[in-house]
């Protein structure tokens, strides 16, 4: 246990010796640490670390969680997720805000043993085909089984990073359709769009967003039934408010910043109806729908609590990494967006 704790102390949130489950910063740090546990589980497997040599347990033991199931991709036998149960000390007063269970999904690992399948799934995500993969099917089945076993949704968290956050987001959306709202933490979720957030000029950036909204809304309005369909879908999802964590320097996820900010700015300009229609659709998927190919764009969300890391960095690994989300010195800014 000493060596495991020592590994954790090098990089983990050791300042959280006592977790306040009503504090968003504490909840974020714990959720990110449990996602890191899924990453390290797979690395332990890849380099054959077992028993006392295994480094993964530190990431959940520190917060009094117990690993109850590893989620394994049948395509390559890699561990892509983990299910944890909260087991606080017996003399601890349990907060009603504490999760009973957490299902965490890791992102891409570019190491031998998982690289091929992970990169393949990244491409499937770009083509909106993630829901038709064995990994997502296994993840979805695990979520449904746990919800059925626990008998409710208030005691279960979903969490994921990068590709894992795409899986968590898709699973969360699927559960909403069946009437179950899971508390969900999405770290650096991928957003497929042009890297507009990298443009330095706010005027140019806002102009591109507004022009894009008018174009998307026009295309959506031209397809018969698309408006009604998108509005009905948004209405179903509107009560679910996932937590989204993005870094403005990370091109993979920074599109979420403009996605939500632009909707508010369109409302301020008196063009809220156009903004909402644009937010509910993507040009690519509307066109696919027009030719009979149903495709659900993953990034479409009515509501979210968005936290942006404004800490400057020119290093992609830092901007996209999971480690930033338990740091105490990060410059974070949060905003809630609710669909009206």
Protein backbone atom coordinates (compact mmCIF):
# COMPACT_ATOMS: atom_id res chain seq x y z
CA UNK A 1 0.00 0.00 0.00
CA UNK A 2 2.89 2.39 0.73
CA UNK A 3 4.27 2.17 -2.81
CA UNK A 4 0.81 2.62 -4.31
CA UNK A 5 0.14 5.67 -2.17
CA UNK A 6 3.55 7.06 -3.09
CA UNK A 7 2.71 6.81 -6.79
CA UNK A 8 -0.61 8.56 -6.18
CA UNK A 9 1.02 11.36 -4.19
CA UNK A 10 3.22 12.28 -7.13
CA UNK A 11 0.31 13.43 -9.27
CA UNK A 12 -3.03 12.91 -7.55
CA UNK A 13 -5.21 15.27 -5.49
CA UNK A 14 -3.74 14.39 -2.10
CA UNK A 15 -5.09 17.66 -0.71
CA UNK A 16 -8.52 16.01 -0.58
CA UNK A 17 -8.02 14.12 2.65
CA UNK A 18 -11.66 14.91 3.40
CA UNK A 19 -14.17 15.18 0.56
CA UNK A 20 -17.05 17.63 0.77
CA UNK A 21 -19.62 16.10 -1.58
CA UNK A 22 -21.47 19.42 -1.81
CA UNK A 23 -18.37 21.12 -3.25
CA UNK A 24 -18.18 21.07 -7.09
CA UNK A 25 -14.37 21.28 -7.00
CA UNK A 26 -14.12 18.20 -4.80
CA UNK A 27 -16.61 16.24 -6.91
CA UNK A 28 -14.72 17.17 -10.09
CA UNK A 29 -11.40 16.04 -8.60
CA UNK A 30 -12.79 12.71 -7.41
CA UNK A 31 -14.51 11.99 -10.73
CA UNK A 32 -11.31 12.80 -12.65
CA UNK A 33 -9.27 10.58 -10.33
CA UNK A 34 -11.60 7.63 -10.89
CA UNK A 35 -11.27 8.12 -14.66
CA UNK A 36 -7.50 8.11 -14.17
CA UNK A 37 -7.94 4.84 -12.32
CA UNK A 38 -9.40 3.33 -15.52
CA UNK A 39 -6.39 4.59 -17.48
CA UNK A 40 -3.93 3.08 -15.02
CA UNK A 41 -5.84 -0.21 -14.90
CA UNK A 42 -5.18 -0.63 -18.62
CA UNK A 43 -1.51 0.43 -18.28
CA UNK A 44 -1.09 -2.10 -15.46
CA UNK A 45 -2.49 -4.76 -17.77
CA UNK A 46 -0.28 -3.74 -20.68
CA UNK A 47 2.99 -3.91 -18.76
CA UNK A 48 1.90 -6.82 -16.59
CA UNK A 49 1.84 -5.10 -13.20
CA UNK A 50 -0.02 -7.17 -10.63
CA UNK A 51 -0.55 -7.35 -6.89
CA UNK A 52 1.58 -4.87 -4.93
CA UNK A 53 3.13 -3.62 -8.16
CA UNK A 54 -0.22 -2.48 -9.56
CA UNK A 55 -0.60 1.30 -9.47
CA UNK A 56 -4.27 1.66 -10.31
CA UNK A 57 -5.79 0.94 -6.84
CA UNK A 58 -4.37 4.14 -5.37
CA UNK A 59 -6.69 6.18 -7.54
CA UNK A 60 -9.85 4.79 -5.94
CA UNK A 61 -8.68 3.55 -2.53
CA UNK A 62 -7.66 7.08 -1.56
CA UNK A 63 -11.33 8.16 -1.78
CA UNK A 64 -12.75 4.98 -0.22
CA UNK A 65 -14.04 3.44 -3.43
CA UNK A 66 -13.89 -0.25 -4.30
CA UNK A 67 -13.44 -1.59 -7.83
CA UNK A 68 -16.35 -3.95 -8.49
CA UNK A 69 -16.02 -4.48 -12.25
CA UNK A 70 -13.59 -3.88 -15.09
CA UNK A 71 -15.10 -3.12 -18.49
CA UNK A 72 -13.22 -4.98 -21.22
CA UNK A 73 -13.44 -4.41 -24.96
CA UNK A 74 -13.94 -7.79 -26.63
CA UNK A 75 -12.21 -6.52 -29.79
CA UNK A 76 -8.75 -6.30 -28.17
CA UNK A 77 -9.22 -7.38 -24.52
CA UNK A 78 -8.25 -3.90 -23.29
CA UNK A 79 -9.73 -2.39 -20.13
CA UNK A 80 -11.62 0.74 -21.15
CA UNK A 81 -13.68 1.41 -18.05
CA UNK A 82 -14.32 0.63 -14.43
CA UNK A 83 -17.28 0.48 -12.06
CA UNK A 84 -16.63 1.62 -8.51
CA UNK A 85 -18.71 1.39 -5.36
CA UNK A 86 -18.32 3.97 -2.61
CA UNK A 87 -17.39 2.28 0.68
CA UNK A 88 -16.77 5.01 3.26
CA UNK A 89 -15.48 4.15 6.75
CA UNK A 90 -18.23 2.87 9.03
CA UNK A 91 -17.91 5.86 11.37
CA UNK A 92 -18.47 8.34 8.53
CA UNK A 93 -21.71 10.28 8.11
CA UNK A 94 -22.67 9.68 4.48
CA UNK A 95 -23.68 12.76 2.53
CA UNK A 96 -26.77 12.43 0.33
CA UNK A 97 -24.71 14.04 -2.45
CA UNK A 98 -22.11 11.29 -2.45
CA UNK A 99 -22.34 8.74 -5.28
CA UNK A 100 -23.06 5.16 -4.42
CA UNK A 101 -21.44 4.05 -7.67
CA UNK A 102 -19.30 5.62 -10.39
CA UNK A 103 -18.86 4.26 -13.91
CA UNK A 104 -15.71 5.74 -15.44
CA UNK A 105 -14.39 5.48 -19.01
CA UNK A 106 -10.84 6.22 -20.09
CA UNK A 107 -9.82 7.86 -23.33
CA UNK A 108 -7.31 6.89 -26.01
CA UNK A 109 -4.02 5.26 -25.00
CA UNK A 110 -1.46 5.34 -27.81
CA UNK A 111 0.53 2.40 -26.45
CA UNK A 112 0.85 -1.10 -27.83
CA UNK A 113 -2.00 -3.23 -26.56
CA UNK A 114 -4.80 -0.71 -27.04
CA UNK A 115 -3.56 1.75 -29.67
CA UNK A 116 -5.13 0.16 -32.73
CA UNK A 117 -8.62 -0.24 -31.28
CA UNK A 118 -8.60 3.16 -29.55
CA UNK A 119 -7.60 5.02 -32.71
CA UNK A 120 -10.13 3.01 -34.69
CA UNK A 121 -12.85 4.15 -32.27
CA UNK A 122 -11.65 7.75 -32.57
CA UNK A 123 -12.35 7.51 -36.30
CA UNK A 124 -15.73 5.92 -35.64
CA UNK A 125 -16.55 8.88 -33.41
CA UNK A 126 -15.69 11.32 -36.21
CA UNK A 127 -18.17 9.47 -38.42
CA UNK A 128 -20.84 9.40 -35.68
CA UNK A 129 -20.58 5.63 -35.53
CA UNK A 130 -19.46 5.18 -31.92
CA UNK A 131 -22.85 3.82 -30.84
CA UNK A 132 -22.44 0.92 -33.26
CA UNK A 133 -19.23 -0.41 -31.69
CA UNK A 134 -18.70 -3.30 -29.30
CA UNK A 135 -17.11 -0.98 -26.74
CA UNK A 136 -20.14 1.24 -26.51
CA UNK A 137 -22.51 -1.73 -26.44
CA UNK A 138 -20.58 -3.18 -23.48
CA UNK A 139 -20.56 0.21 -21.75
CA UNK A 140 -24.27 0.72 -22.31
CA UNK A 141 -25.12 -2.73 -21.01
CA UNK A 142 -23.04 -2.07 -17.88
CA UNK A 143 -24.86 1.20 -17.24
CA UNK A 144 -28.29 -0.36 -17.74
CA UNK A 145 -27.42 -3.33 -15.51
CA UNK A 146 -26.21 -1.10 -12.69
CA UNK A 147 -29.23 1.20 -12.89
CA UNK A 148 -31.49 -1.85 -12.81
CA UNK A 149 -29.57 -3.30 -9.85
CA UNK A 150 -29.52 -0.10 -7.79
CA UNK A 151 -33.10 0.72 -8.69
CA UNK A 152 -32.65 4.42 -9.34
CA UNK A 153 -30.52 7.12 -10.91
CA UNK A 154 -29.67 9.45 -8.01
CA UNK A 155 -26.88 7.26 -6.71
CA UNK A 156 -24.88 6.69 -9.92
CA UNK A 157 -22.34 8.92 -11.65
CA UNK A 158 -20.97 8.62 -15.16
CA UNK A 159 -17.51 10.02 -15.89
CA UNK A 160 -15.16 9.95 -18.84
CA UNK A 161 -12.24 11.65 -20.51
CA UNK A 162 -11.79 12.33 -24.24
CA UNK A 163 -13.01 9.22 -26.09
CA UNK A 164 -14.31 7.98 -22.74
CA UNK A 165 -16.33 11.16 -22.28
CA UNK A 166 -17.90 10.57 -25.71
CA UNK A 167 -18.97 7.12 -24.47
CA UNK A 168 -20.28 8.58 -21.20
CA UNK A 169 -22.15 11.31 -23.08
CA UNK A 170 -23.76 8.84 -25.46
CA UNK A 171 -24.69 6.53 -22.58
CA UNK A 172 -26.11 9.43 -20.59
CA UNK A 173 -28.23 10.54 -23.54
CA UNK A 174 -29.52 7.03 -24.05
CA UNK A 175 -30.55 6.77 -20.40
CA UNK A 176 -32.37 10.13 -20.57
CA UNK A 177 -34.55 8.72 -23.35
CA UNK A 178 -35.63 5.98 -20.95
CA UNK A 179 -36.36 8.50 -18.19
CA UNK A 180 -33.18 8.10 -16.14
CA UNK A 181 -31.01 11.17 -15.48
CA UNK A 182 -27.47 10.28 -14.38
CA UNK A 183 -25.07 12.80 -12.91
CA UNK A 184 -22.36 12.97 -15.57
CA UNK A 185 -18.82 14.40 -15.65
CA UNK A 186 -17.35 14.90 -19.12
CA UNK A 187 -13.67 15.82 -19.25
CA UNK A 188 -12.37 17.19 -22.58
CA UNK A 189 -15.26 15.71 -24.59
CA UNK A 190 -14.49 15.77 -28.35
CA UNK A 191 -16.40 18.30 -30.43
CA UNK A 192 -16.12 17.99 -34.19
CA UNK A 193 -15.87 21.46 -35.70
CA UNK A 194 -13.45 23.91 -37.28
CA UNK A 195 -10.96 25.25 -34.66
CA UNK A 196 -12.68 28.63 -34.39
CA UNK A 197 -11.66 29.03 -30.75
CA UNK A 198 -8.03 29.42 -31.83
CA UNK A 199 -8.85 32.67 -33.65
CA UNK A 200 -7.49 35.57 -31.60
CA UNK A 201 -9.91 38.22 -32.83
CA UNK A 202 -13.18 38.01 -30.89
CA UNK A 203 -14.91 40.03 -33.60
CA UNK A 204 -13.91 37.61 -36.35
CA UNK A 205 -14.69 34.61 -34.17
CA UNK A 206 -18.15 35.86 -33.24
CA UNK A 207 -18.86 36.76 -36.86
CA UNK A 208 -18.02 33.23 -37.97
CA UNK A 209 -20.21 31.73 -35.26
CA UNK A 210 -23.18 33.93 -36.16
CA UNK A 211 -22.81 33.25 -39.87
CA UNK A 212 -22.60 29.54 -39.12
CA UNK A 213 -25.78 29.71 -37.05
CA UNK A 214 -27.76 31.36 -39.84
CA UNK A 215 -26.49 28.83 -42.36
CA UNK A 216 -27.21 25.82 -40.14
CA UNK A 217 -30.68 27.13 -39.28
CA UNK A 218 -31.46 27.71 -42.96
CA UNK A 219 -30.39 24.20 -43.92
CA UNK A 220 -32.37 22.66 -41.05
CA UNK A 221 -35.48 24.66 -41.90
CA UNK A 222 -35.30 23.49 -45.51
CA UNK A 223 -35.59 19.81 -44.61
CA UNK A 224 -39.16 18.69 -44.09
CA UNK A 225 -39.93 17.79 -40.50
CA UNK A 226 -36.40 18.49 -39.27
CA UNK A 227 -37.40 21.39 -37.04
CA UNK A 228 -40.13 19.45 -35.26
CA UNK A 229 -37.85 16.45 -34.88
CA UNK A 230 -34.95 18.46 -33.42
CA UNK A 231 -37.22 20.39 -31.05
CA UNK A 232 -38.78 17.19 -29.75
CA UNK A 233 -35.33 15.67 -29.18
CA UNK A 234 -34.14 18.79 -27.35
CA UNK A 235 -37.24 18.77 -25.16
CA UNK A 236 -36.48 15.19 -24.08
CA UNK A 237 -32.85 16.01 -23.22
CA UNK A 238 -33.44 19.43 -21.67
CA UNK A 239 -33.84 18.26 -18.07
CA UNK A 240 -30.45 16.51 -18.10
CA UNK A 241 -27.57 18.85 -17.20
CA UNK A 242 -24.15 17.16 -17.50
CA UNK A 243 -20.94 18.76 -16.25
CA UNK A 244 -18.58 19.59 -19.12
CA UNK A 245 -14.91 20.45 -18.54
CA UNK A 246 -12.94 21.96 -21.41
CA UNK A 247 -9.66 23.77 -21.98
CA UNK A 248 -9.71 26.69 -24.41
CA UNK A 249 -6.30 25.59 -25.73
CA UNK A 250 -7.54 22.10 -26.56
CA UNK A 251 -8.86 21.97 -30.13
CA UNK A 252 -10.52 18.62 -29.46
CA UNK A 253 -13.04 20.01 -26.97
CA UNK A 254 -12.91 23.83 -27.20
CA UNK A 255 -15.83 23.90 -29.66
CA UNK A 256 -18.18 23.47 -26.70
CA UNK A 257 -17.25 26.98 -25.55
CA UNK A 258 -18.58 28.58 -28.74
CA UNK A 259 -21.49 26.16 -28.99
CA UNK A 260 -23.08 27.41 -25.78
CA UNK A 261 -21.81 31.01 -25.80
CA UNK A 262 -23.11 31.60 -29.32
CA UNK A 263 -26.64 30.50 -28.40
CA UNK A 264 -26.71 33.10 -25.62
CA UNK A 265 -25.31 35.83 -27.89
CA UNK A 266 -27.90 35.05 -30.54
CA UNK A 267 -30.62 35.48 -27.92
CA UNK A 268 -29.09 38.82 -26.86
CA UNK A 269 -29.18 39.93 -30.51
CA UNK A 270 -32.86 39.11 -30.77
CA UNK A 271 -32.16 36.08 -32.94
CA UNK A 272 -32.76 33.46 -30.28
CA UNK A 273 -35.03 31.37 -32.47
CA UNK A 274 -32.33 31.04 -35.14
CA UNK A 275 -29.73 30.34 -32.47
CA UNK A 276 -31.81 27.58 -30.93
CA UNK A 277 -32.48 25.96 -34.30
CA UNK A 278 -28.78 26.07 -35.14
CA UNK A 279 -27.87 24.63 -31.73
CA UNK A 280 -30.27 21.73 -32.26
CA UNK A 281 -28.72 20.66 -35.57
CA UNK A 282 -25.51 20.20 -37.53
CA UNK A 283 -25.38 20.72 -41.28
CA UNK A 284 -23.78 17.34 -41.95
CA UNK A 285 -26.37 15.38 -40.01
CA UNK A 286 -29.32 17.33 -41.42
CA UNK A 287 -28.14 16.52 -44.93
CA UNK A 288 -27.67 12.85 -44.03
CA UNK A 289 -31.17 12.80 -42.57
CA UNK A 290 -32.52 14.33 -45.78
CA UNK A 291 -31.30 11.30 -47.75
CA UNK A 292 -32.63 8.81 -45.25
CA UNK A 293 -29.50 8.18 -43.18
CA UNK A 294 -30.40 8.77 -39.57
CA UNK A 295 -27.46 10.13 -37.60
CA UNK A 296 -27.41 11.63 -34.12
CA UNK A 297 -24.68 14.26 -33.64
CA UNK A 298 -23.10 13.58 -30.27
CA UNK A 299 -22.35 17.20 -29.34
CA UNK A 300 -26.00 18.33 -29.50
CA UNK A 301 -26.96 19.31 -25.94
CA UNK A 302 -29.74 21.55 -24.62
CA UNK A 303 -28.26 22.17 -21.16
CA UNK A 304 -24.92 21.86 -19.42
CA UNK A 305 -22.75 23.21 -16.65
CA UNK A 306 -19.59 24.18 -18.52
CA UNK A 307 -16.27 24.75 -16.77
CA UNK A 308 -13.47 26.22 -18.86
CA UNK A 309 -9.81 26.03 -17.87
CA UNK A 310 -8.35 29.41 -18.81
CA UNK A 311 -4.84 28.57 -17.63
CA UNK A 312 -2.61 29.31 -20.58
CA UNK A 313 -0.56 26.50 -22.11
CA UNK A 314 0.98 25.80 -25.49
CA UNK A 315 1.34 22.11 -24.66
CA UNK A 316 -1.44 19.94 -26.14
CA UNK A 317 -0.75 17.13 -23.68
CA UNK A 318 -1.43 19.47 -20.77
CA UNK A 319 -4.44 21.15 -22.41
CA UNK A 320 -6.08 17.79 -23.19
CA UNK A 321 -4.90 15.86 -20.14
CA UNK A 322 -7.06 14.56 -17.32
CA UNK A 323 -4.56 15.73 -14.69
CA UNK A 324 -5.54 19.40 -14.99
CA UNK A 325 -8.94 18.73 -13.44
CA UNK A 326 -7.70 18.04 -9.92
CA UNK A 327 -5.07 20.81 -9.81
CA UNK A 328 -5.60 23.50 -7.18
CA UNK A 329 -3.91 26.26 -9.19
CA UNK A 330 -6.04 26.04 -12.36
CA UNK A 331 -7.87 29.18 -13.47
CA UNK A 332 -11.40 27.89 -13.95
CA UNK A 333 -14.53 29.70 -15.07
CA UNK A 334 -17.97 28.10 -14.90
CA UNK A 335 -21.28 28.91 -16.57
CA UNK A 336 -24.64 27.18 -16.54
CA UNK A 337 -26.68 26.92 -19.73
CA UNK A 338 -30.30 25.83 -19.63
CA UNK A 339 -32.53 25.29 -22.62
CA UNK A 340 -35.60 27.51 -22.67
